[in-house]
């Protein structure tokens, strides 16, 4: 096992442990949402997640290794809105984890390079950022 393998295993173990308890980066979302509103809380959560994933861009063997960190940041912004909507409407962190796993596996399954285009990332983020608050608003009207 190389040093990089050890770092990667350690990182994944920490991420795994964090997804099993209430210390994951998604945890502050409900509190931020109460205090700052849906839009600002999603922006803050996106920045937290963006920085949280930074080490993966330097770990040999990670899927993000040598990819474009800024395109990833644009995508994280859109995903933050999507996952924030799931969290707000269902109250479930586990559904967020499931959605995150599905998004991660789409790129692997279809051999799609998520980091290849600013335009694709921006359009996807824009769609998610517009649809998410609309869904939250519709849900509030129904309940």
C-alpha atoms as a PDB file:
ATOM      1  CA  UNK A   1       0.000   0.000   0.000  1.00  0.00           C
ATOM      2  CA  UNK A   2       1.385   3.387  -0.979  1.00  0.00           C
ATOM      3  CA  UNK A   3       1.018   6.593   1.008  1.00  0.00           C
ATOM      4  CA  UNK A   4      -1.646   7.756  -1.474  1.00  0.00           C
ATOM      5  CA  UNK A   5      -3.609   4.534  -0.951  1.00  0.00           C
ATOM      6  CA  UNK A   6      -3.501   5.083   2.804  1.00  0.00           C
ATOM      7  CA  UNK A   7      -4.719   8.665   2.468  1.00  0.00           C
ATOM      8  CA  UNK A   8      -7.510   7.579   0.108  1.00  0.00           C
ATOM      9  CA  UNK A   9      -8.664   4.775   2.450  1.00  0.00           C
ATOM     10  CA  UNK A  10      -8.505   7.095   5.459  1.00  0.00           C
ATOM     11  CA  UNK A  11     -10.473   9.771   3.616  1.00  0.00           C
ATOM     12  CA  UNK A  12     -13.156   7.305   2.499  1.00  0.00           C
ATOM     13  CA  UNK A  13     -13.465   5.890   6.005  1.00  0.00           C
ATOM     14  CA  UNK A  14     -13.963   9.378   7.408  1.00  0.00           C
ATOM     15  CA  UNK A  15     -16.556  10.168   4.761  1.00  0.00           C
ATOM     16  CA  UNK A  16     -18.299   6.860   5.475  1.00  0.00           C
ATOM     17  CA  UNK A  17     -18.376   7.529   9.198  1.00  0.00           C
ATOM     18  CA  UNK A  18     -19.635  11.051   8.653  1.00  0.00           C
ATOM     19  CA  UNK A  19     -22.501   9.879   6.487  1.00  0.00           C
ATOM     20  CA  UNK A  20     -23.612   7.595   9.316  1.00  0.00           C
ATOM     21  CA  UNK A  21     -23.961  10.257  11.975  1.00  0.00           C
ATOM     22  CA  UNK A  22     -25.038  13.826  12.431  1.00  0.00           C
ATOM     23  CA  UNK A  23     -21.675  15.445  11.703  1.00  0.00           C
ATOM     24  CA  UNK A  24     -21.890  15.336   7.915  1.00  0.00           C
ATOM     25  CA  UNK A  25     -21.666  18.581   5.942  1.00  0.00           C
ATOM     26  CA  UNK A  26     -25.403  18.261   5.184  1.00  0.00           C
ATOM     27  CA  UNK A  27     -26.265  18.588   8.873  1.00  0.00           C
ATOM     28  CA  UNK A  28     -25.988  22.403   9.043  1.00  0.00           C
ATOM     29  CA  UNK A  29     -28.491  22.798   6.180  1.00  0.00           C
ATOM     30  CA  UNK A  30     -31.696  22.646   8.285  1.00  0.00           C
ATOM     31  CA  UNK A  31     -30.329  25.150  10.804  1.00  0.00           C
ATOM     32  CA  UNK A  32     -29.007  27.447   8.102  1.00  0.00           C
ATOM     33  CA  UNK A  33     -32.328  27.178   6.274  1.00  0.00           C
ATOM     34  CA  UNK A  34     -34.215  28.325   9.379  1.00  0.00           C
ATOM     35  CA  UNK A  35     -31.901  31.288   9.911  1.00  0.00           C
ATOM     36  CA  UNK A  36     -30.900  32.358   6.393  1.00  0.00           C
ATOM     37  CA  UNK A  37     -33.491  30.914   4.033  1.00  0.00           C
ATOM     38  CA  UNK A  38     -33.324  28.262   1.352  1.00  0.00           C
ATOM     39  CA  UNK A  39     -31.183  30.077  -1.237  1.00  0.00           C
ATOM     40  CA  UNK A  40     -28.428  31.362   1.034  1.00  0.00           C
ATOM     41  CA  UNK A  41     -28.250  28.119   3.019  1.00  0.00           C
ATOM     42  CA  UNK A  42     -27.745  26.174  -0.217  1.00  0.00           C
ATOM     43  CA  UNK A  43     -24.959  28.526  -1.298  1.00  0.00           C
ATOM     44  CA  UNK A  44     -23.169  28.085   2.035  1.00  0.00           C
ATOM     45  CA  UNK A  45     -23.652  24.312   1.942  1.00  0.00           C
ATOM     46  CA  UNK A  46     -22.264  24.236  -1.618  1.00  0.00           C
ATOM     47  CA  UNK A  47     -19.096  26.045  -0.526  1.00  0.00           C
ATOM     48  CA  UNK A  48     -18.672  23.615   2.396  1.00  0.00           C
ATOM     49  CA  UNK A  49     -19.067  20.601   0.081  1.00  0.00           C
ATOM     50  CA  UNK A  50     -16.806  22.112  -2.574  1.00  0.00           C
ATOM     51  CA  UNK A  51     -13.981  22.603  -0.077  1.00  0.00           C
ATOM     52  CA  UNK A  52     -14.721  19.226   1.560  1.00  0.00           C
ATOM     53  CA  UNK A  53     -13.959  17.458  -1.740  1.00  0.00           C
ATOM     54  CA  UNK A  54     -10.727  19.405  -2.429  1.00  0.00           C
ATOM     55  CA  UNK A  55      -8.371  16.647  -1.159  1.00  0.00           C
ATOM     56  CA  UNK A  56      -9.745  14.221  -3.763  1.00  0.00           C
ATOM     57  CA  UNK A  57      -8.290  16.388  -6.533  1.00  0.00           C
ATOM     58  CA  UNK A  58      -4.795  15.604  -5.241  1.00  0.00           C
ATOM     59  CA  UNK A  59      -5.142  11.897  -4.410  1.00  0.00           C
ATOM     60  CA  UNK A  60      -3.870   9.564  -7.121  1.00  0.00           C
ATOM     61  CA  UNK A  61      -6.592   7.097  -8.056  1.00  0.00           C
ATOM     62  CA  UNK A  62      -9.523   9.262  -6.952  1.00  0.00           C
ATOM     63  CA  UNK A  63     -11.974   9.956  -9.775  1.00  0.00           C
ATOM     64  CA  UNK A  64     -11.435  13.705  -9.302  1.00  0.00           C
ATOM     65  CA  UNK A  65      -7.638  13.465  -9.557  1.00  0.00           C
ATOM     66  CA  UNK A  66      -6.310  16.117 -11.981  1.00  0.00           C
ATOM     67  CA  UNK A  67      -9.829  17.219 -12.933  1.00  0.00           C
ATOM     68  CA  UNK A  68     -11.093  20.810 -13.043  1.00  0.00           C
ATOM     69  CA  UNK A  69     -11.894  21.890  -9.481  1.00  0.00           C
ATOM     70  CA  UNK A  70     -13.822  24.965 -10.630  1.00  0.00           C
ATOM     71  CA  UNK A  71     -16.164  23.050 -12.952  1.00  0.00           C
ATOM     72  CA  UNK A  72     -16.704  20.694 -10.025  1.00  0.00           C
ATOM     73  CA  UNK A  73     -17.611  23.732  -7.897  1.00  0.00           C
ATOM     74  CA  UNK A  74     -20.254  24.795 -10.401  1.00  0.00           C
ATOM     75  CA  UNK A  75     -21.703  21.286 -10.336  1.00  0.00           C
ATOM     76  CA  UNK A  76     -21.621  21.177  -6.537  1.00  0.00           C
ATOM     77  CA  UNK A  77     -23.699  24.356  -6.493  1.00  0.00           C
ATOM     78  CA  UNK A  78     -26.440  22.689  -8.544  1.00  0.00           C
ATOM     79  CA  UNK A  79     -26.257  19.493  -6.526  1.00  0.00           C
ATOM     80  CA  UNK A  80     -26.483  21.506  -3.335  1.00  0.00           C
ATOM     81  CA  UNK A  81     -29.822  22.886  -4.490  1.00  0.00           C
ATOM     82  CA  UNK A  82     -31.043  19.434  -5.501  1.00  0.00           C
ATOM     83  CA  UNK A  83     -29.947  17.777  -2.260  1.00  0.00           C
ATOM     84  CA  UNK A  84     -31.176  20.749  -0.229  1.00  0.00           C
ATOM     85  CA  UNK A  85     -34.598  20.279  -1.800  1.00  0.00           C
ATOM     86  CA  UNK A  86     -34.593  16.563  -1.003  1.00  0.00           C
ATOM     87  CA  UNK A  87     -33.542  17.297   2.581  1.00  0.00           C
ATOM     88  CA  UNK A  88     -36.101  20.080   3.043  1.00  0.00           C
ATOM     89  CA  UNK A  89     -39.030  18.158   1.565  1.00  0.00           C
ATOM     90  CA  UNK A  90     -38.309  14.771   3.143  1.00  0.00           C
ATOM     91  CA  UNK A  91     -36.191  15.561   6.196  1.00  0.00           C
ATOM     92  CA  UNK A  92     -34.037  12.579   5.247  1.00  0.00           C
ATOM     93  CA  UNK A  93     -30.253  12.631   5.087  1.00  0.00           C
ATOM     94  CA  UNK A  94     -30.344   9.069   3.728  1.00  0.00           C
ATOM     95  CA  UNK A  95     -32.279  10.117   0.618  1.00  0.00           C
ATOM     96  CA  UNK A  96     -29.599  12.757   0.063  1.00  0.00           C
ATOM     97  CA  UNK A  97     -26.910  10.090   0.388  1.00  0.00           C
ATOM     98  CA  UNK A  98     -28.800   7.910  -2.099  1.00  0.00           C
ATOM     99  CA  UNK A  99     -29.183  10.785  -4.597  1.00  0.00           C
ATOM    100  CA  UNK A 100     -25.489  11.611  -4.214  1.00  0.00           C
ATOM    101  CA  UNK A 101     -24.557   7.978  -4.915  1.00  0.00           C
ATOM    102  CA  UNK A 102     -26.791   7.910  -7.994  1.00  0.00           C
ATOM    103  CA  UNK A 103     -25.220  11.112  -9.359  1.00  0.00           C
ATOM    104  CA  UNK A 104     -21.727   9.712  -8.749  1.00  0.00           C
ATOM    105  CA  UNK A 105     -22.497   6.456 -10.512  1.00  0.00           C
ATOM    106  CA  UNK A 106     -24.082   8.057 -13.605  1.00  0.00           C
ATOM    107  CA  UNK A 107     -20.691   9.331 -14.747  1.00  0.00           C
ATOM    108  CA  UNK A 108     -19.108   5.929 -14.281  1.00  0.00           C
ATOM    109  CA  UNK A 109     -21.942   4.001 -15.897  1.00  0.00           C
ATOM    110  CA  UNK A 110     -22.237   6.184 -18.996  1.00  0.00           C
ATOM    111  CA  UNK A 111     -18.522   7.105 -19.146  1.00  0.00           C
ATOM    112  CA  UNK A 112     -19.569  10.734 -18.940  1.00  0.00           C
ATOM    113  CA  UNK A 113     -16.881  13.253 -17.991  1.00  0.00           C
ATOM    114  CA  UNK A 114     -18.703  15.586 -15.626  1.00  0.00           C
ATOM    115  CA  UNK A 115     -15.722  17.902 -15.491  1.00  0.00           C
ATOM    116  CA  UNK A 116     -15.338  18.409 -19.218  1.00  0.00           C
ATOM    117  CA  UNK A 117     -17.526  21.421 -19.884  1.00  0.00           C
ATOM    118  CA  UNK A 118     -18.241  24.672 -18.080  1.00  0.00           C
ATOM    119  CA  UNK A 119     -21.334  25.076 -20.257  1.00  0.00           C
ATOM    120  CA  UNK A 120     -22.789  21.665 -19.344  1.00  0.00           C
ATOM    121  CA  UNK A 121     -22.064  22.251 -15.663  1.00  0.00           C
ATOM    122  CA  UNK A 122     -23.564  25.754 -15.782  1.00  0.00           C
ATOM    123  CA  UNK A 123     -26.735  24.648 -17.585  1.00  0.00           C
ATOM    124  CA  UNK A 124     -27.244  21.705 -15.226  1.00  0.00           C
ATOM    125  CA  UNK A 125     -26.645  23.932 -12.201  1.00  0.00           C
ATOM    126  CA  UNK A 126     -29.004  26.592 -13.539  1.00  0.00           C
ATOM    127  CA  UNK A 127     -31.786  24.073 -14.090  1.00  0.00           C
ATOM    128  CA  UNK A 128     -31.372  22.591 -10.601  1.00  0.00           C
ATOM    129  CA  UNK A 129     -31.101  26.030  -8.970  1.00  0.00           C
ATOM    130  CA  UNK A 130     -34.340  27.181 -10.639  1.00  0.00           C
ATOM    131  CA  UNK A 131     -36.384  23.993 -10.199  1.00  0.00           C
ATOM    132  CA  UNK A 132     -35.420  23.383  -6.553  1.00  0.00           C
ATOM    133  CA  UNK A 133     -36.958  26.535  -5.006  1.00  0.00           C
ATOM    134  CA  UNK A 134     -40.042  26.062  -7.189  1.00  0.00           C
ATOM    135  CA  UNK A 135     -40.519  22.536  -5.836  1.00  0.00           C
ATOM    136  CA  UNK A 136     -40.047  23.771  -2.263  1.00  0.00           C
ATOM    137  CA  UNK A 137     -42.624  26.530  -2.857  1.00  0.00           C
ATOM    138  CA  UNK A 138     -45.145  24.096  -4.387  1.00  0.00           C
ATOM    139  CA  UNK A 139     -44.649  21.680  -1.496  1.00  0.00           C
ATOM    140  CA  UNK A 140     -45.242  24.510   1.027  1.00  0.00           C
ATOM    141  CA  UNK A 141     -48.496  25.434  -0.734  1.00  0.00           C
ATOM    142  CA  UNK A 142     -49.741  21.824  -0.561  1.00  0.00           C
ATOM    143  CA  UNK A 143     -48.909  21.434   3.126  1.00  0.00           C
END
